[in-house]
Amino acid sequence: MRILIADDHELFLKGLEFILRDVFPDDEFVFAHSYTDVFKIIEREKNFKLVLTDLAMPGANWLQGIEHIHKDLPETPIIILSAVFEKDVVQKTIEIGAAGYIPKTSPNAVIISAVNLVLSGGVYIPPELLSGTKESEFDLLKQTEENAKKKNSAEKIDMSPRQIDVLRLMGKGLSNKQIAFDLGITEGTVKLYVTAILKILNVYNRVSAVNEARRRGLITDE
């Protein structure tokens, strides 16, 4: 599979490549230095499993750029890596189709964890930005951050009925889009539930979440 990385700073581009090649050694990396480059690439090639892009690059303003990428690659998760660290900007990128927002100052381990979370179908938002965000579906993440701090593996897991519904459908192998259709909610909301589930169960991917949920008796194999 291919991973598209876009940034107009060569040094950061190479640094990100170095980090990700160690985690995804079998994937092919495609590079862009502007929105213009990105648009040309995704016009001729759609088979990407992930897009990581800077926010401010030549070729388009960031709002048009992210909307264009999401429109051309609706099934591909998009992660923003940016030096811009404003709550309203982060919220807007998620609203228009991004699945994650990572500050460029983040440690390598945070970047890798965020990428794995997004590839598992979740949404990554820096925890420090969750307080003070607008009243929205992000309340799910705020509550999860608070609850996760109070739980450990020895404690009883307490999930909402909707989280159990999402887990059950994850166990059947359904995609986020299929889960959204089945439950009558948006795909973005499903991603937030997936993020919450992974955090509550203290796992890093969907398979582990399903296995842990079955082990704890939260869902069955039926």
N, C-alpha and C. Protein backbone atom coordinates (compact mmCIF):
# COMPACT_ATOMS: atom_id res chain seq x y z
N MET A 1 0.83 -1.20 0.00
CA MET A 1 0.00 0.00 0.00
C MET A 1 0.87 1.26 0.00
N ARG A 2 0.25 2.37 -0.32
CA ARG A 2 0.98 3.63 -0.41
C ARG A 2 0.58 4.60 0.69
N ILE A 3 1.55 5.39 1.12
CA ILE A 3 1.32 6.47 2.07
C ILE A 3 1.79 7.76 1.42
N LEU A 4 0.92 8.74 1.36
CA LEU A 4 1.25 10.04 0.78
C LEU A 4 1.62 11.02 1.89
N ILE A 5 2.81 11.62 1.78
CA ILE A 5 3.28 12.60 2.76
C ILE A 5 3.51 13.92 2.03
N ALA A 6 2.90 14.99 2.55
CA ALA A 6 3.03 16.30 1.91
C ALA A 6 3.50 17.35 2.91
N ASP A 7 4.57 18.04 2.55
CA ASP A 7 5.08 19.14 3.37
C ASP A 7 6.03 19.96 2.52
N ASP A 8 5.99 21.28 2.67
CA ASP A 8 6.85 22.12 1.85
C ASP A 8 8.21 22.36 2.47
N HIS A 9 8.48 21.72 3.61
CA HIS A 9 9.80 21.80 4.23
C HIS A 9 10.49 20.45 4.08
N GLU A 10 11.51 20.40 3.30
CA GLU A 10 12.19 19.15 2.96
C GLU A 10 12.71 18.43 4.20
N LEU A 11 13.23 19.19 5.16
CA LEU A 11 13.81 18.58 6.36
C LEU A 11 12.74 17.82 7.15
N PHE A 12 11.57 18.43 7.32
CA PHE A 12 10.49 17.76 8.06
C PHE A 12 9.99 16.56 7.27
N LEU A 13 9.91 16.70 5.95
CA LEU A 13 9.45 15.61 5.09
C LEU A 13 10.34 14.38 5.26
N LYS A 14 11.64 14.60 5.23
CA LYS A 14 12.58 13.50 5.38
C LYS A 14 12.54 12.91 6.78
N GLY A 15 12.37 13.78 7.77
CA GLY A 15 12.29 13.29 9.14
C GLY A 15 11.07 12.41 9.36
N LEU A 16 9.95 12.82 8.79
CA LEU A 16 8.73 12.03 8.91
C LEU A 16 8.85 10.70 8.17
N GLU A 17 9.50 10.75 7.02
CA GLU A 17 9.74 9.51 6.27
C GLU A 17 10.57 8.55 7.11
N PHE A 18 11.59 9.05 7.76
CA PHE A 18 12.47 8.21 8.59
C PHE A 18 11.68 7.54 9.71
N ILE A 19 10.80 8.30 10.35
CA ILE A 19 9.99 7.76 11.45
C ILE A 19 9.05 6.66 10.95
N LEU A 20 8.38 6.93 9.83
CA LEU A 20 7.35 6.01 9.36
C LEU A 20 7.89 4.77 8.67
N ARG A 21 9.04 4.90 8.01
CA ARG A 21 9.61 3.72 7.33
C ARG A 21 9.94 2.63 8.33
N ASP A 22 10.29 3.02 9.54
CA ASP A 22 10.61 2.03 10.56
C ASP A 22 9.37 1.27 11.00
N VAL A 23 8.20 1.94 10.92
CA VAL A 23 6.94 1.33 11.36
C VAL A 23 6.23 0.61 10.21
N PHE A 24 6.37 1.16 9.00
CA PHE A 24 5.70 0.59 7.82
C PHE A 24 6.74 0.27 6.74
N PRO A 25 7.60 -0.70 7.00
CA PRO A 25 8.69 -0.99 6.07
C PRO A 25 8.25 -1.53 4.71
N ASP A 26 7.05 -2.09 4.65
CA ASP A 26 6.59 -2.70 3.40
C ASP A 26 5.75 -1.76 2.54
N ASP A 27 5.50 -0.56 3.05
CA ASP A 27 4.68 0.39 2.30
C ASP A 27 5.52 1.28 1.40
N GLU A 28 4.89 1.74 0.33
CA GLU A 28 5.55 2.68 -0.58
C GLU A 28 5.18 4.10 -0.19
N PHE A 29 6.18 4.99 -0.14
CA PHE A 29 5.95 6.37 0.24
C PHE A 29 5.98 7.27 -0.99
N VAL A 30 4.99 8.14 -1.06
CA VAL A 30 4.90 9.12 -2.15
C VAL A 30 4.96 10.51 -1.51
N PHE A 31 5.74 11.42 -2.12
CA PHE A 31 5.99 12.71 -1.49
C PHE A 31 5.48 13.87 -2.34
N ALA A 32 5.00 14.89 -1.65
CA ALA A 32 4.54 16.11 -2.31
C ALA A 32 5.04 17.32 -1.51
N HIS A 33 5.28 18.43 -2.24
CA HIS A 33 5.80 19.63 -1.59
C HIS A 33 4.82 20.79 -1.60
N SER A 34 3.62 20.54 -2.12
CA SER A 34 2.61 21.59 -2.20
C SER A 34 1.25 20.94 -2.44
N TYR A 35 0.19 21.72 -2.25
CA TYR A 35 -1.13 21.22 -2.58
C TYR A 35 -1.23 20.92 -4.07
N THR A 36 -0.53 21.71 -4.88
CA THR A 36 -0.53 21.47 -6.33
C THR A 36 -0.02 20.07 -6.63
N ASP A 37 1.09 19.70 -5.98
CA ASP A 37 1.65 18.36 -6.14
C ASP A 37 0.65 17.29 -5.68
N VAL A 38 0.04 17.54 -4.53
CA VAL A 38 -0.91 16.58 -3.98
C VAL A 38 -2.07 16.35 -4.94
N PHE A 39 -2.63 17.43 -5.45
CA PHE A 39 -3.78 17.30 -6.35
C PHE A 39 -3.41 16.50 -7.61
N LYS A 40 -2.22 16.74 -8.15
CA LYS A 40 -1.78 16.00 -9.34
C LYS A 40 -1.61 14.51 -9.03
N ILE A 41 -1.06 14.23 -7.86
CA ILE A 41 -0.82 12.83 -7.48
C ILE A 41 -2.12 12.07 -7.29
N ILE A 42 -3.06 12.67 -6.53
CA ILE A 42 -4.30 11.94 -6.23
C ILE A 42 -5.27 11.93 -7.41
N GLU A 43 -4.99 12.75 -8.42
CA GLU A 43 -5.80 12.70 -9.64
C GLU A 43 -5.49 11.45 -10.43
N ARG A 44 -4.24 11.00 -10.38
CA ARG A 44 -3.86 9.83 -11.16
C ARG A 44 -3.72 8.56 -10.32
N GLU A 45 -3.69 8.70 -9.01
CA GLU A 45 -3.50 7.54 -8.14
C GLU A 45 -4.42 7.66 -6.92
N LYS A 46 -5.26 6.66 -6.70
CA LYS A 46 -6.22 6.67 -5.60
C LYS A 46 -5.88 5.66 -4.51
N ASN A 47 -4.95 4.79 -4.76
CA ASN A 47 -4.70 3.67 -3.86
C ASN A 47 -3.75 4.06 -2.72
N PHE A 48 -4.22 4.90 -1.82
CA PHE A 48 -3.43 5.30 -0.65
C PHE A 48 -4.13 4.82 0.61
N LYS A 49 -3.37 4.31 1.56
CA LYS A 49 -3.98 3.90 2.82
C LYS A 49 -3.95 5.02 3.84
N LEU A 50 -3.15 6.07 3.57
CA LEU A 50 -3.05 7.17 4.51
C LEU A 50 -2.47 8.39 3.81
N VAL A 51 -2.96 9.57 4.19
CA VAL A 51 -2.38 10.84 3.74
C VAL A 51 -1.98 11.63 4.97
N LEU A 52 -0.71 12.04 5.02
CA LEU A 52 -0.23 12.92 6.08
C LEU A 52 0.20 14.22 5.41
N THR A 53 -0.39 15.32 5.83
CA THR A 53 -0.11 16.57 5.14
C THR A 53 0.02 17.75 6.09
N ASP A 54 0.91 18.67 5.71
CA ASP A 54 0.98 19.96 6.40
C ASP A 54 -0.30 20.72 6.11
N LEU A 55 -0.56 21.74 6.87
CA LEU A 55 -1.78 22.52 6.68
C LEU A 55 -1.53 23.68 5.72
N ALA A 56 -0.49 24.43 5.97
CA ALA A 56 -0.19 25.61 5.14
C ALA A 56 0.89 25.26 4.12
N MET A 57 0.47 25.11 2.87
CA MET A 57 1.40 24.82 1.78
C MET A 57 1.01 25.63 0.56
N PRO A 58 1.95 25.83 -0.38
CA PRO A 58 1.61 26.52 -1.64
C PRO A 58 0.59 25.73 -2.45
N GLY A 59 -0.19 26.44 -3.23
CA GLY A 59 -1.10 25.78 -4.17
C GLY A 59 -2.57 25.91 -3.81
N ALA A 60 -2.88 26.19 -2.56
CA ALA A 60 -4.27 26.34 -2.13
C ALA A 60 -4.27 26.79 -0.67
N ASN A 61 -5.39 27.39 -0.24
CA ASN A 61 -5.48 27.62 1.20
C ASN A 61 -5.87 26.31 1.87
N TRP A 62 -5.62 26.20 3.15
CA TRP A 62 -5.74 24.91 3.82
C TRP A 62 -7.17 24.35 3.78
N LEU A 63 -8.16 25.21 3.85
CA LEU A 63 -9.54 24.74 3.83
C LEU A 63 -9.87 24.08 2.50
N GLN A 64 -9.52 24.76 1.40
CA GLN A 64 -9.75 24.19 0.07
C GLN A 64 -8.92 22.93 -0.14
N GLY A 65 -7.69 22.97 0.36
CA GLY A 65 -6.79 21.84 0.16
C GLY A 65 -7.28 20.57 0.80
N ILE A 66 -7.67 20.64 2.09
CA ILE A 66 -8.13 19.45 2.79
C ILE A 66 -9.45 18.96 2.22
N GLU A 67 -10.35 19.88 1.89
CA GLU A 67 -11.62 19.48 1.28
C GLU A 67 -11.40 18.76 -0.06
N HIS A 68 -10.44 19.26 -0.85
CA HIS A 68 -10.14 18.65 -2.15
C HIS A 68 -9.60 17.23 -1.96
N ILE A 69 -8.68 17.07 -1.02
CA ILE A 69 -8.10 15.75 -0.77
C ILE A 69 -9.18 14.77 -0.32
N HIS A 70 -10.02 15.21 0.62
CA HIS A 70 -11.06 14.33 1.14
C HIS A 70 -12.08 13.96 0.06
N LYS A 71 -12.38 14.91 -0.82
CA LYS A 71 -13.32 14.64 -1.91
C LYS A 71 -12.76 13.62 -2.88
N ASP A 72 -11.47 13.72 -3.21
CA ASP A 72 -10.85 12.79 -4.16
C ASP A 72 -10.54 11.43 -3.53
N LEU A 73 -10.27 11.43 -2.21
CA LEU A 73 -9.94 10.19 -1.51
C LEU A 73 -10.85 10.01 -0.30
N PRO A 74 -12.14 9.82 -0.54
CA PRO A 74 -13.10 9.79 0.58
C PRO A 74 -12.89 8.62 1.55
N GLU A 75 -12.25 7.55 1.09
CA GLU A 75 -12.05 6.38 1.94
C GLU A 75 -10.68 6.38 2.61
N THR A 76 -9.85 7.35 2.30
CA THR A 76 -8.49 7.40 2.83
C THR A 76 -8.40 8.33 4.03
N PRO A 77 -7.93 7.85 5.18
CA PRO A 77 -7.79 8.74 6.33
C PRO A 77 -6.73 9.82 6.09
N ILE A 78 -7.02 11.03 6.55
CA ILE A 78 -6.12 12.17 6.38
C ILE A 78 -5.68 12.64 7.76
N ILE A 79 -4.39 12.77 7.95
CA ILE A 79 -3.85 13.32 9.19
C ILE A 79 -3.13 14.63 8.89
N ILE A 80 -3.44 15.65 9.67
CA ILE A 80 -2.78 16.94 9.55
C ILE A 80 -1.60 16.98 10.50
N LEU A 81 -0.44 17.37 10.01
CA LEU A 81 0.71 17.65 10.86
C LEU A 81 1.06 19.11 10.66
N SER A 82 0.91 19.90 11.70
CA SER A 82 1.02 21.34 11.51
C SER A 82 1.62 22.03 12.73
N ALA A 83 2.25 23.18 12.46
CA ALA A 83 2.74 24.03 13.54
C ALA A 83 1.62 24.92 14.07
N VAL A 84 0.50 24.98 13.35
CA VAL A 84 -0.66 25.75 13.80
C VAL A 84 -1.36 24.96 14.90
N PHE A 85 -1.60 25.62 16.02
CA PHE A 85 -2.14 24.92 17.18
C PHE A 85 -3.30 25.72 17.76
N GLU A 86 -4.34 25.88 16.95
CA GLU A 86 -5.51 26.64 17.37
C GLU A 86 -6.74 25.75 17.38
N LYS A 87 -7.52 25.82 18.45
CA LYS A 87 -8.67 24.92 18.63
C LYS A 87 -9.65 25.00 17.46
N ASP A 88 -9.97 26.21 17.03
CA ASP A 88 -10.95 26.36 15.95
C ASP A 88 -10.47 25.74 14.64
N VAL A 89 -9.16 25.87 14.37
CA VAL A 89 -8.59 25.29 13.15
C VAL A 89 -8.64 23.77 13.23
N VAL A 90 -8.26 23.22 14.38
CA VAL A 90 -8.30 21.77 14.56
C VAL A 90 -9.71 21.24 14.36
N GLN A 91 -10.67 21.89 15.01
CA GLN A 91 -12.06 21.45 14.90
C GLN A 91 -12.54 21.49 13.45
N LYS A 92 -12.18 22.54 12.73
CA LYS A 92 -12.64 22.69 11.35
C LYS A 92 -12.05 21.60 10.46
N THR A 93 -10.77 21.26 10.66
CA THR A 93 -10.16 20.22 9.82
C THR A 93 -10.87 18.88 10.03
N ILE A 94 -11.25 18.58 11.27
CA ILE A 94 -11.96 17.34 11.53
C ILE A 94 -13.34 17.37 10.89
N GLU A 95 -14.00 18.52 10.96
CA GLU A 95 -15.34 18.66 10.39
C GLU A 95 -15.34 18.45 8.87
N ILE A 96 -14.25 18.84 8.20
CA ILE A 96 -14.23 18.73 6.73
C ILE A 96 -13.58 17.45 6.23
N GLY A 97 -13.23 16.54 7.16
CA GLY A 97 -12.81 15.23 6.69
C GLY A 97 -11.50 14.67 7.22
N ALA A 98 -10.72 15.47 7.96
CA ALA A 98 -9.47 14.93 8.52
C ALA A 98 -9.79 13.96 9.65
N ALA A 99 -8.92 12.98 9.84
CA ALA A 99 -9.12 11.98 10.89
C ALA A 99 -8.14 12.16 12.04
N GLY A 100 -7.28 13.16 11.94
CA GLY A 100 -6.33 13.39 13.01
C GLY A 100 -5.61 14.71 12.83
N TYR A 101 -5.12 15.24 13.94
CA TYR A 101 -4.40 16.51 13.92
C TYR A 101 -3.23 16.38 14.89
N ILE A 102 -2.01 16.41 14.36
CA ILE A 102 -0.82 16.21 15.17
C ILE A 102 0.06 17.47 15.12
N PRO A 103 0.34 18.08 16.26
CA PRO A 103 1.28 19.21 16.26
C PRO A 103 2.67 18.75 15.81
N LYS A 104 3.35 19.57 15.06
CA LYS A 104 4.69 19.20 14.57
C LYS A 104 5.70 19.06 15.70
N THR A 105 5.38 19.62 16.84
CA THR A 105 6.29 19.53 17.99
C THR A 105 6.14 18.20 18.74
N SER A 106 5.24 17.34 18.29
CA SER A 106 4.98 16.09 19.00
C SER A 106 6.18 15.15 18.94
N PRO A 107 6.44 14.40 20.00
CA PRO A 107 7.50 13.38 19.99
C PRO A 107 7.19 12.29 18.96
N ASN A 108 8.22 11.60 18.53
CA ASN A 108 8.04 10.53 17.55
C ASN A 108 7.01 9.49 18.00
N ALA A 109 7.07 9.14 19.28
CA ALA A 109 6.17 8.12 19.80
C ALA A 109 4.70 8.56 19.70
N VAL A 110 4.45 9.84 19.90
CA VAL A 110 3.08 10.36 19.80
C VAL A 110 2.61 10.30 18.35
N ILE A 111 3.49 10.67 17.43
CA ILE A 111 3.15 10.62 16.00
C ILE A 111 2.79 9.20 15.59
N ILE A 112 3.60 8.23 16.00
CA ILE A 112 3.35 6.84 15.65
C ILE A 112 2.05 6.34 16.26
N SER A 113 1.81 6.68 17.54
CA SER A 113 0.57 6.26 18.20
C SER A 113 -0.65 6.87 17.52
N ALA A 114 -0.53 8.14 17.13
CA ALA A 114 -1.64 8.82 16.46
C ALA A 114 -1.93 8.17 15.11
N VAL A 115 -0.89 7.85 14.37
CA VAL A 115 -1.07 7.21 13.06
C VAL A 115 -1.75 5.85 13.23
N ASN A 116 -1.29 5.07 14.20
CA ASN A 116 -1.90 3.76 14.43
C ASN A 116 -3.36 3.88 14.85
N LEU A 117 -3.67 4.89 15.66
CA LEU A 117 -5.05 5.10 16.08
C LEU A 117 -5.93 5.42 14.88
N VAL A 118 -5.47 6.30 14.02
CA VAL A 118 -6.25 6.69 12.85
C VAL A 118 -6.42 5.50 11.91
N LEU A 119 -5.36 4.73 11.70
CA LEU A 119 -5.47 3.56 10.83
C LEU A 119 -6.40 2.49 11.41
N SER A 120 -6.64 2.56 12.72
CA SER A 120 -7.58 1.65 13.36
C SER A 120 -9.01 2.15 13.26
N GLY A 121 -9.18 3.33 12.65
CA GLY A 121 -10.52 3.86 12.47
C GLY A 121 -10.91 4.93 13.46
N GLY A 122 -9.97 5.36 14.30
CA GLY A 122 -10.26 6.38 15.30
C GLY A 122 -9.92 7.77 14.83
N VAL A 123 -10.03 8.72 15.75
CA VAL A 123 -9.69 10.11 15.49
C VAL A 123 -8.67 10.54 16.53
N TYR A 124 -7.59 11.18 16.08
CA TYR A 124 -6.61 11.67 17.05
C TYR A 124 -6.69 13.19 17.18
N ILE A 125 -6.94 13.64 18.39
CA ILE A 125 -6.91 15.06 18.73
C ILE A 125 -5.98 15.20 19.93
N PRO A 126 -5.04 16.14 19.91
CA PRO A 126 -4.18 16.33 21.09
C PRO A 126 -5.04 16.55 22.34
N PRO A 127 -4.81 15.77 23.40
CA PRO A 127 -5.65 15.87 24.60
C PRO A 127 -5.76 17.28 25.15
N GLU A 128 -4.67 18.05 25.06
CA GLU A 128 -4.70 19.40 25.63
C GLU A 128 -5.64 20.34 24.88
N LEU A 129 -6.06 19.92 23.67
CA LEU A 129 -6.99 20.75 22.91
C LEU A 129 -8.45 20.39 23.16
N LEU A 130 -8.69 19.29 23.84
CA LEU A 130 -10.06 18.85 24.03
C LEU A 130 -10.83 19.76 24.99
N SER A 131 -10.16 20.27 26.00
CA SER A 131 -10.83 21.20 26.91
C SER A 131 -10.95 22.54 26.22
N GLY A 132 -12.15 23.05 26.19
CA GLY A 132 -12.36 24.35 25.57
C GLY A 132 -12.82 24.27 24.13
N THR A 133 -12.95 23.04 23.57
CA THR A 133 -13.48 22.95 22.21
C THR A 133 -14.97 23.26 22.24
N LYS A 134 -15.51 23.57 21.10
CA LYS A 134 -16.92 23.89 21.01
C LYS A 134 -17.77 22.68 21.42
N GLU A 135 -18.97 22.95 21.92
CA GLU A 135 -19.87 21.86 22.26
C GLU A 135 -20.17 21.06 20.99
N SER A 136 -19.82 19.81 20.97
CA SER A 136 -19.97 19.01 19.77
C SER A 136 -19.76 17.56 20.11
N GLU A 137 -19.60 16.75 19.08
CA GLU A 137 -19.34 15.33 19.29
C GLU A 137 -18.00 15.11 19.99
N PHE A 138 -17.15 16.14 20.05
CA PHE A 138 -15.87 15.99 20.73
C PHE A 138 -16.06 15.76 22.22
N ASP A 139 -17.28 15.99 22.72
CA ASP A 139 -17.56 15.66 24.12
C ASP A 139 -17.28 14.19 24.39
N LEU A 140 -17.46 13.34 23.36
CA LEU A 140 -17.15 11.92 23.52
C LEU A 140 -15.69 11.72 23.88
N LEU A 141 -14.82 12.46 23.21
CA LEU A 141 -13.39 12.33 23.48
C LEU A 141 -13.02 12.94 24.82
N LYS A 142 -13.65 14.06 25.16
CA LYS A 142 -13.38 14.68 26.46
C LYS A 142 -13.72 13.71 27.59
N GLN A 143 -14.89 13.10 27.49
CA GLN A 143 -15.32 12.16 28.53
C GLN A 143 -14.39 10.96 28.58
N THR A 144 -13.96 10.50 27.41
CA THR A 144 -13.08 9.34 27.37
C THR A 144 -11.74 9.62 28.02
N GLU A 145 -11.18 10.79 27.74
CA GLU A 145 -9.90 11.16 28.35
C GLU A 145 -10.01 11.16 29.87
N GLU A 146 -11.13 11.67 30.37
CA GLU A 146 -11.32 11.73 31.81
C GLU A 146 -11.52 10.34 32.40
N ASN A 147 -12.35 9.53 31.74
CA ASN A 147 -12.65 8.20 32.26
C ASN A 147 -11.46 7.26 32.19
N ALA A 148 -10.67 7.39 31.12
CA ALA A 148 -9.53 6.49 30.93
C ALA A 148 -8.51 6.64 32.05
N LYS A 149 -8.41 7.83 32.62
CA LYS A 149 -7.46 8.07 33.70
C LYS A 149 -7.88 7.37 34.99
N LYS A 150 -9.16 7.05 35.08
CA LYS A 150 -9.68 6.45 36.31
C LYS A 150 -9.70 4.93 36.25
N LYS A 151 -9.42 4.37 35.07
CA LYS A 151 -9.57 2.92 34.89
C LYS A 151 -8.22 2.23 34.83
N ASN A 152 -8.21 0.96 35.19
CA ASN A 152 -7.05 0.12 34.93
C ASN A 152 -7.55 -1.27 34.59
N SER A 153 -6.65 -2.16 34.22
CA SER A 153 -7.06 -3.47 33.70
C SER A 153 -7.79 -4.31 34.74
N ALA A 154 -7.61 -4.00 36.02
CA ALA A 154 -8.24 -4.80 37.05
C ALA A 154 -9.66 -4.34 37.35
N GLU A 155 -10.04 -3.19 36.86
CA GLU A 155 -11.35 -2.64 37.16
C GLU A 155 -12.39 -3.10 36.13
N LYS A 156 -13.63 -3.07 36.55
CA LYS A 156 -14.73 -3.40 35.66
C LYS A 156 -14.84 -2.32 34.58
N ILE A 157 -14.95 -2.76 33.33
CA ILE A 157 -15.09 -1.83 32.22
C ILE A 157 -16.55 -1.42 32.11
N ASP A 158 -16.78 -0.13 32.08
CA ASP A 158 -18.14 0.39 31.99
C ASP A 158 -18.27 1.15 30.68
N MET A 159 -19.01 0.57 29.74
CA MET A 159 -19.21 1.20 28.43
C MET A 159 -20.68 1.53 28.22
N SER A 160 -20.92 2.54 27.42
CA SER A 160 -22.28 2.92 27.10
C SER A 160 -22.88 1.90 26.13
N PRO A 161 -24.20 1.82 26.07
CA PRO A 161 -24.85 0.90 25.11
C PRO A 161 -24.40 1.16 23.67
N ARG A 162 -24.20 2.43 23.32
CA ARG A 162 -23.78 2.76 21.95
C ARG A 162 -22.36 2.27 21.69
N GLN A 163 -21.49 2.40 22.67
CA GLN A 163 -20.13 1.89 22.50
C GLN A 163 -20.14 0.38 22.32
N ILE A 164 -21.01 -0.31 23.04
CA ILE A 164 -21.14 -1.76 22.88
C ILE A 164 -21.66 -2.10 21.49
N ASP A 165 -22.60 -1.31 21.01
CA ASP A 165 -23.13 -1.52 19.65
C ASP A 165 -22.01 -1.42 18.62
N VAL A 166 -21.18 -0.38 18.76
CA VAL A 166 -20.06 -0.20 17.83
C VAL A 166 -19.08 -1.35 17.94
N LEU A 167 -18.77 -1.76 19.15
CA LEU A 167 -17.86 -2.89 19.38
C LEU A 167 -18.39 -4.16 18.72
N ARG A 168 -19.68 -4.40 18.91
CA ARG A 168 -20.30 -5.61 18.34
C ARG A 168 -20.15 -5.64 16.82
N LEU A 169 -20.37 -4.50 16.19
CA LEU A 169 -20.25 -4.43 14.73
C LEU A 169 -18.80 -4.48 14.28
N MET A 170 -17.90 -3.94 15.09
CA MET A 170 -16.47 -4.09 14.81
C MET A 170 -16.10 -5.57 14.82
N GLY A 171 -16.70 -6.30 15.77
CA GLY A 171 -16.44 -7.73 15.87
C GLY A 171 -16.92 -8.51 14.66
N LYS A 172 -17.88 -7.96 13.94
CA LYS A 172 -18.36 -8.60 12.71
C LYS A 172 -17.55 -8.19 11.49
N GLY A 173 -16.54 -7.34 11.72
CA GLY A 173 -15.67 -6.94 10.62
C GLY A 173 -16.18 -5.79 9.79
N LEU A 174 -17.18 -5.06 10.29
CA LEU A 174 -17.74 -3.96 9.52
C LEU A 174 -16.81 -2.75 9.55
N SER A 175 -16.80 -2.01 8.45
CA SER A 175 -16.02 -0.77 8.37
C SER A 175 -16.75 0.34 9.10
N ASN A 176 -16.07 1.47 9.30
CA ASN A 176 -16.73 2.61 9.94
C ASN A 176 -17.96 3.05 9.17
N LYS A 177 -17.85 3.06 7.85
CA LYS A 177 -18.98 3.50 7.02
C LYS A 177 -20.15 2.54 7.19
N GLN A 178 -19.88 1.24 7.22
CA GLN A 178 -20.94 0.26 7.39
C GLN A 178 -21.58 0.36 8.78
N ILE A 179 -20.75 0.60 9.78
CA ILE A 179 -21.26 0.76 11.15
C ILE A 179 -22.16 1.99 11.22
N ALA A 180 -21.71 3.08 10.60
CA ALA A 180 -22.50 4.32 10.60
C ALA A 180 -23.87 4.09 9.97
N PHE A 181 -23.88 3.39 8.85
CA PHE A 181 -25.15 3.10 8.16
C PHE A 181 -26.05 2.23 9.02
N ASP A 182 -25.45 1.21 9.63
CA ASP A 182 -26.22 0.27 10.43
C ASP A 182 -26.83 0.93 11.66
N LEU A 183 -26.11 1.88 12.27
CA LEU A 183 -26.58 2.52 13.51
C LEU A 183 -27.29 3.84 13.26
N GLY A 184 -27.26 4.32 12.02
CA GLY A 184 -27.93 5.57 11.70
C GLY A 184 -27.24 6.79 12.27
N ILE A 185 -25.89 6.74 12.33
CA ILE A 185 -25.11 7.88 12.80
C ILE A 185 -24.07 8.23 11.75
N THR A 186 -23.34 9.32 11.95
CA THR A 186 -22.35 9.72 10.96
C THR A 186 -21.07 8.90 11.11
N GLU A 187 -20.31 8.83 10.03
CA GLU A 187 -19.04 8.11 10.07
C GLU A 187 -18.08 8.79 11.03
N GLY A 188 -18.14 10.14 11.10
CA GLY A 188 -17.28 10.86 12.04
C GLY A 188 -17.57 10.48 13.48
N THR A 189 -18.85 10.29 13.79
CA THR A 189 -19.22 9.87 15.15
C THR A 189 -18.72 8.47 15.43
N VAL A 190 -18.78 7.59 14.44
CA VAL A 190 -18.25 6.23 14.62
C VAL A 190 -16.76 6.30 14.95
N LYS A 191 -16.02 7.14 14.25
CA LYS A 191 -14.58 7.27 14.51
C LYS A 191 -14.32 7.71 15.94
N LEU A 192 -15.17 8.61 16.45
CA LEU A 192 -15.00 9.05 17.83
C LEU A 192 -15.30 7.91 18.80
N TYR A 193 -16.30 7.10 18.49
CA TYR A 193 -16.59 5.93 19.34
C TYR A 193 -15.44 4.93 19.31
N VAL A 194 -14.87 4.71 18.13
CA VAL A 194 -13.74 3.79 18.02
C VAL A 194 -12.58 4.29 18.87
N THR A 195 -12.30 5.59 18.78
CA THR A 195 -11.24 6.18 19.59
C THR A 195 -11.50 5.94 21.07
N ALA A 196 -12.74 6.18 21.50
CA ALA A 196 -13.10 5.99 22.90
C ALA A 196 -12.91 4.53 23.32
N ILE A 197 -13.34 3.62 22.47
CA ILE A 197 -13.24 2.19 22.78
C ILE A 197 -11.79 1.76 22.95
N LEU A 198 -10.94 2.19 22.04
CA LEU A 198 -9.52 1.82 22.12
C LEU A 198 -8.90 2.34 23.41
N LYS A 199 -9.26 3.56 23.78
CA LYS A 199 -8.71 4.15 25.00
C LYS A 199 -9.21 3.44 26.25
N ILE A 200 -10.51 3.16 26.29
CA ILE A 200 -11.09 2.50 27.46
C ILE A 200 -10.49 1.11 27.66
N LEU A 201 -10.31 0.38 26.56
CA LEU A 201 -9.78 -0.98 26.65
C LEU A 201 -8.25 -1.01 26.70
N ASN A 202 -7.64 0.18 26.52
CA ASN A 202 -6.18 0.30 26.57
C ASN A 202 -5.50 -0.59 25.53
N VAL A 203 -6.02 -0.52 24.28
CA VAL A 203 -5.44 -1.25 23.16
C VAL A 203 -5.18 -0.28 22.02
N TYR A 204 -4.54 -0.77 20.96
CA TYR A 204 -4.07 0.13 19.92
C TYR A 204 -4.63 -0.15 18.53
N ASN A 205 -5.45 -1.18 18.41
CA ASN A 205 -6.06 -1.43 17.11
C ASN A 205 -7.39 -2.15 17.28
N ARG A 206 -8.13 -2.24 16.20
CA ARG A 206 -9.49 -2.80 16.25
C ARG A 206 -9.50 -4.28 16.63
N VAL A 207 -8.56 -5.03 16.08
CA VAL A 207 -8.51 -6.47 16.37
C VAL A 207 -8.30 -6.70 17.87
N SER A 208 -7.35 -5.96 18.44
CA SER A 208 -7.09 -6.10 19.87
C SER A 208 -8.29 -5.67 20.69
N ALA A 209 -8.99 -4.63 20.23
CA ALA A 209 -10.18 -4.16 20.95
C ALA A 209 -11.25 -5.23 20.98
N VAL A 210 -11.50 -5.86 19.83
CA VAL A 210 -12.51 -6.91 19.75
C VAL A 210 -12.11 -8.10 20.63
N ASN A 211 -10.85 -8.50 20.56
CA ASN A 211 -10.39 -9.63 21.37
C ASN A 211 -10.51 -9.34 22.86
N GLU A 212 -10.13 -8.13 23.26
CA GLU A 212 -10.20 -7.75 24.67
C GLU A 212 -11.65 -7.67 25.13
N ALA A 213 -12.51 -7.15 24.27
CA ALA A 213 -13.93 -7.05 24.61
C ALA A 213 -14.55 -8.43 24.79
N ARG A 214 -14.16 -9.37 23.94
CA ARG A 214 -14.67 -10.74 24.07
C ARG A 214 -14.13 -11.39 25.34
N ARG A 215 -12.86 -11.13 25.64
CA ARG A 215 -12.26 -11.70 26.85
C ARG A 215 -12.97 -11.22 28.10
N ARG A 216 -13.38 -9.96 28.07
CA ARG A 216 -14.06 -9.37 29.23
C ARG A 216 -15.57 -9.64 29.22
N GLY A 217 -16.05 -10.31 28.19
CA GLY A 217 -17.46 -10.63 28.13
C GLY A 217 -18.35 -9.48 27.73
N LEU A 218 -17.75 -8.43 27.13
CA LEU A 218 -18.53 -7.28 26.69
C LEU A 218 -19.33 -7.59 25.43
N ILE A 219 -18.75 -8.45 24.57
CA ILE A 219 -19.44 -8.91 23.37
C ILE A 219 -19.19 -10.40 23.23
N THR A 220 -20.00 -11.07 22.43
CA THR A 220 -19.83 -12.49 22.20
C THR A 220 -19.42 -12.74 20.75
N ASP A 221 -19.18 -14.01 20.41
CA ASP A 221 -18.76 -14.36 19.06
C ASP A 221 -19.92 -14.49 18.09
N GLU A 222 -21.13 -14.32 18.57
CA GLU A 222 -22.30 -14.53 17.69
C GLU A 222 -22.38 -13.44 16.64
